Amino acid sequence: MSNVIRVNTPLSDDVVLSLRAGDEVLVSGVIYTGRDQAHKRLCELLDAGKVLPIDLTGQVIYFVGPTPAAPGRVIGAAGPTTSSRMDAFSPKLIAAGLKGMIGKGYRGDEVRDALKEYKAVHLAATGGAGALLSKCIVASKIVAYADLGTEAIRKLVVTDFPCVAAYDAYGGSVY
């Protein structure tokens, strides 16, 4: 990747505002996993005024349900889930402090509006490359909703996780 932008989590407004749709990005640091059911539960807690099991401030959620780890591996294949499946939940989580998401595919108008309003970014990871992407994950631990199995919320530590800024905080899009 040439002219790649390296970012470390948690993300600040300055980092988010430095990214433009189409930028190649390498993410390092802590990111969290979460898919439909985890997102639903987080939003239910927000609606009830309760404390979330993770602090979303400045954080990134990767839309992934990884496969089980092979012996000697931190995690199994970890390819992105279709992002639009989280569209009903993302604006509320962005308003609660979430600064980035990683997935694949289009996002709806409400999500794009929330990215602009709250200075957040949506990154795209390459679908079909879960085995390769898993090599960038150096640690994985379930931190919430273990009953959801592969869809539990995990705290991942990533190094140079490759993405493209798909939707930026200015309304730009690679789509």
Protein backbone atom coordinates (compact mmCIF):
# COMPACT_ATOMS: atom_id res chain seq x y z
CA MET A 1 0.00 0.00 0.00
CA SER A 2 1.47 3.35 -0.99
CA ASN A 3 0.63 6.59 0.76
CA VAL A 4 -1.02 4.62 3.49
CA ILE A 5 -2.27 6.38 6.60
CA ARG A 6 -1.48 4.67 9.88
CA VAL A 7 -3.93 5.23 12.73
CA ASN A 8 -3.94 4.06 16.30
CA THR A 9 -7.02 3.50 18.40
CA PRO A 10 -8.85 4.99 20.14
CA LEU A 11 -9.61 7.48 17.37
CA SER A 12 -9.71 11.21 18.05
CA ASP A 13 -11.71 13.79 16.11
CA ASP A 14 -8.46 15.03 14.56
CA VAL A 15 -7.61 11.57 13.22
CA VAL A 16 -11.14 11.01 11.90
CA LEU A 17 -11.16 14.42 10.22
CA SER A 18 -7.81 13.69 8.57
CA LEU A 19 -9.29 10.73 6.68
CA ARG A 20 -10.95 11.06 3.28
CA ALA A 21 -12.97 8.51 1.35
CA GLY A 22 -10.56 6.37 -0.61
CA ASP A 23 -7.64 6.68 1.81
CA GLU A 24 -5.77 3.45 2.48
CA VAL A 25 -5.58 2.99 6.24
CA LEU A 26 -3.67 0.63 8.53
CA VAL A 27 -5.31 0.38 11.95
CA SER A 28 -3.34 -0.62 15.05
CA GLY A 29 -4.48 -0.91 18.66
CA VAL A 30 -7.65 -2.17 20.29
CA ILE A 31 -10.81 -2.68 18.26
CA TYR A 32 -14.00 -4.45 19.29
CA THR A 33 -16.07 -6.96 17.38
CA GLY A 34 -19.82 -6.88 17.09
CA ARG A 35 -22.60 -7.94 14.77
CA ASP A 36 -26.39 -7.66 14.73
CA GLN A 37 -27.30 -9.20 18.06
CA ALA A 38 -24.51 -7.48 20.00
CA HIS A 39 -25.47 -4.14 18.42
CA LYS A 40 -29.10 -4.71 19.37
CA ARG A 41 -28.16 -5.40 22.98
CA LEU A 42 -25.92 -2.33 23.19
CA CYS A 43 -28.72 -0.13 21.86
CA GLU A 44 -31.23 -1.65 24.29
CA LEU A 45 -28.88 -0.73 27.16
CA LEU A 46 -28.53 2.82 25.82
CA ASP A 47 -32.32 3.12 25.51
CA ALA A 48 -32.69 1.95 29.13
CA GLY A 49 -30.06 4.43 30.33
CA LYS A 50 -27.77 1.65 31.49
CA VAL A 51 -23.99 1.38 31.35
CA LEU A 52 -22.54 -0.43 28.35
CA PRO A 53 -20.18 -3.39 28.84
CA ILE A 54 -17.54 -1.47 26.83
CA ASP A 55 -16.76 2.23 26.70
CA LEU A 56 -17.45 3.31 23.12
CA THR A 57 -15.61 6.62 23.40
CA GLY A 58 -13.24 6.86 20.44
CA GLN A 59 -13.56 3.15 19.73
CA VAL A 60 -13.84 1.12 16.54
CA ILE A 61 -16.20 -1.83 16.07
CA TYR A 62 -15.35 -4.46 13.47
CA PHE A 63 -18.42 -6.18 12.04
CA VAL A 64 -17.13 -9.75 12.22
CA GLY A 65 -18.04 -13.17 13.54
CA PRO A 66 -14.67 -14.95 13.48
CA THR A 67 -14.29 -18.68 13.08
CA PRO A 68 -12.73 -20.69 15.92
CA ALA A 69 -8.98 -20.41 16.24
CA ALA A 70 -6.82 -23.24 14.97
CA PRO A 71 -4.24 -24.60 17.43
CA GLY A 72 -1.52 -22.04 18.00
CA ARG A 73 -3.56 -19.19 16.48
CA VAL A 74 -5.15 -16.20 18.25
CA ILE A 75 -8.31 -16.28 16.15
CA GLY A 76 -9.76 -18.02 13.11
CA ALA A 77 -10.70 -16.41 9.83
CA ALA A 78 -12.02 -12.91 10.54
CA GLY A 79 -13.58 -11.42 7.43
CA PRO A 80 -16.00 -8.47 7.48
CA THR A 81 -19.76 -8.82 7.68
CA THR A 82 -22.10 -6.80 5.46
CA SER A 83 -22.25 -3.38 7.11
CA SER A 84 -25.85 -2.51 6.22
CA ARG A 85 -26.99 -5.18 8.70
CA MET A 86 -25.92 -2.76 11.46
CA ASP A 87 -27.56 0.35 9.95
CA ALA A 88 -30.50 0.29 12.38
CA PHE A 89 -28.08 0.46 15.32
CA SER A 90 -25.02 2.42 14.17
CA PRO A 91 -26.38 5.99 14.48
CA LYS A 92 -27.20 5.46 18.17
CA LEU A 93 -23.77 3.96 18.86
CA ILE A 94 -22.02 6.75 16.96
CA ALA A 95 -23.95 9.30 19.04
CA ALA A 96 -22.71 7.43 22.15
CA GLY A 97 -19.07 7.96 21.17
CA LEU A 98 -18.20 5.30 18.59
CA LYS A 99 -15.68 6.84 16.15
CA GLY A 100 -15.15 4.06 13.64
CA MET A 101 -16.61 0.94 12.13
CA ILE A 102 -15.09 -1.68 9.87
CA GLY A 103 -17.21 -3.80 7.54
CA LYS A 104 -18.01 -4.26 3.89
CA GLY A 105 -20.55 -2.69 1.59
CA TYR A 106 -22.89 0.26 1.61
CA ARG A 107 -24.22 2.26 4.58
CA GLY A 108 -27.61 3.96 4.72
CA ASP A 109 -28.36 7.67 4.80
CA GLU A 110 -28.89 7.77 8.58
CA VAL A 111 -25.47 6.23 9.20
CA ARG A 112 -23.78 8.63 6.78
CA ASP A 113 -25.54 11.57 8.45
CA ALA A 114 -24.36 10.36 11.88
CA LEU A 115 -20.78 10.06 10.60
CA LYS A 116 -20.90 13.72 9.59
CA GLU A 117 -22.69 14.96 12.70
CA TYR A 118 -20.48 13.16 15.23
CA LYS A 119 -17.18 13.07 13.29
CA ALA A 120 -16.85 9.35 12.70
CA VAL A 121 -15.62 7.15 9.86
CA HIS A 122 -16.62 3.88 8.25
CA LEU A 123 -13.76 1.73 7.02
CA ALA A 124 -14.03 -1.14 4.57
CA ALA A 125 -12.07 -4.37 4.87
CA THR A 126 -11.73 -6.78 1.99
CA GLY A 127 -14.43 -9.43 1.94
CA GLY A 128 -13.27 -12.98 1.29
CA ALA A 129 -9.89 -12.33 2.91
CA GLY A 130 -10.74 -13.43 6.46
CA ALA A 131 -7.77 -15.78 6.78
CA LEU A 132 -5.36 -13.06 5.69
CA LEU A 133 -6.99 -10.39 7.86
CA SER A 134 -6.74 -12.67 10.91
CA LYS A 135 -2.94 -12.47 10.64
CA CYS A 136 -3.18 -8.81 11.70
CA ILE A 137 -4.98 -9.79 14.93
CA VAL A 138 -2.44 -10.37 17.71
CA ALA A 139 -4.84 -10.84 20.66
CA SER A 140 -8.50 -11.73 21.13
CA LYS A 141 -10.63 -11.92 24.27
CA ILE A 142 -14.41 -12.14 24.72
CA VAL A 143 -15.50 -9.16 26.83
CA ALA A 144 -19.32 -9.25 26.56
CA TYR A 145 -22.21 -11.45 25.48
CA ALA A 146 -20.35 -14.77 25.46
CA ASP A 147 -23.73 -16.46 24.98
CA LEU A 148 -23.74 -15.14 21.40
CA GLY A 149 -20.86 -17.45 20.49
CA THR A 150 -19.04 -16.19 17.41
CA GLU A 151 -21.07 -12.97 17.62
CA ALA A 152 -19.90 -12.15 21.17
CA ILE A 153 -18.13 -8.85 21.64
CA ARG A 154 -14.40 -9.43 21.54
CA LYS A 155 -11.59 -7.07 22.35
CA LEU A 156 -9.03 -7.48 19.59
CA VAL A 157 -5.55 -6.08 19.42
CA VAL A 158 -4.60 -5.46 15.79
CA THR A 159 -1.41 -4.43 14.05
CA ASP A 160 -1.55 -2.78 10.63
CA PHE A 161 -5.09 -4.00 9.93
CA PRO A 162 -5.70 -2.97 6.29
CA CYS A 163 -8.78 -0.93 5.41
CA VAL A 164 -10.02 1.74 3.05
CA ALA A 165 -11.93 4.80 4.28
CA ALA A 166 -15.27 4.01 2.65
CA TYR A 167 -17.32 6.86 4.18
CA ASP A 168 -15.68 9.89 5.74
CA ALA A 169 -16.89 12.55 8.16
CA TYR A 170 -17.46 14.98 5.27
CA GLY A 171 -20.02 12.91 3.39
CA GLY A 172 -17.47 11.45 0.97
CA SER A 173 -17.84 7.86 -0.18
CA VAL A 174 -15.89 5.38 -2.27
CA TYR A 175 -19.23 4.04 -3.48
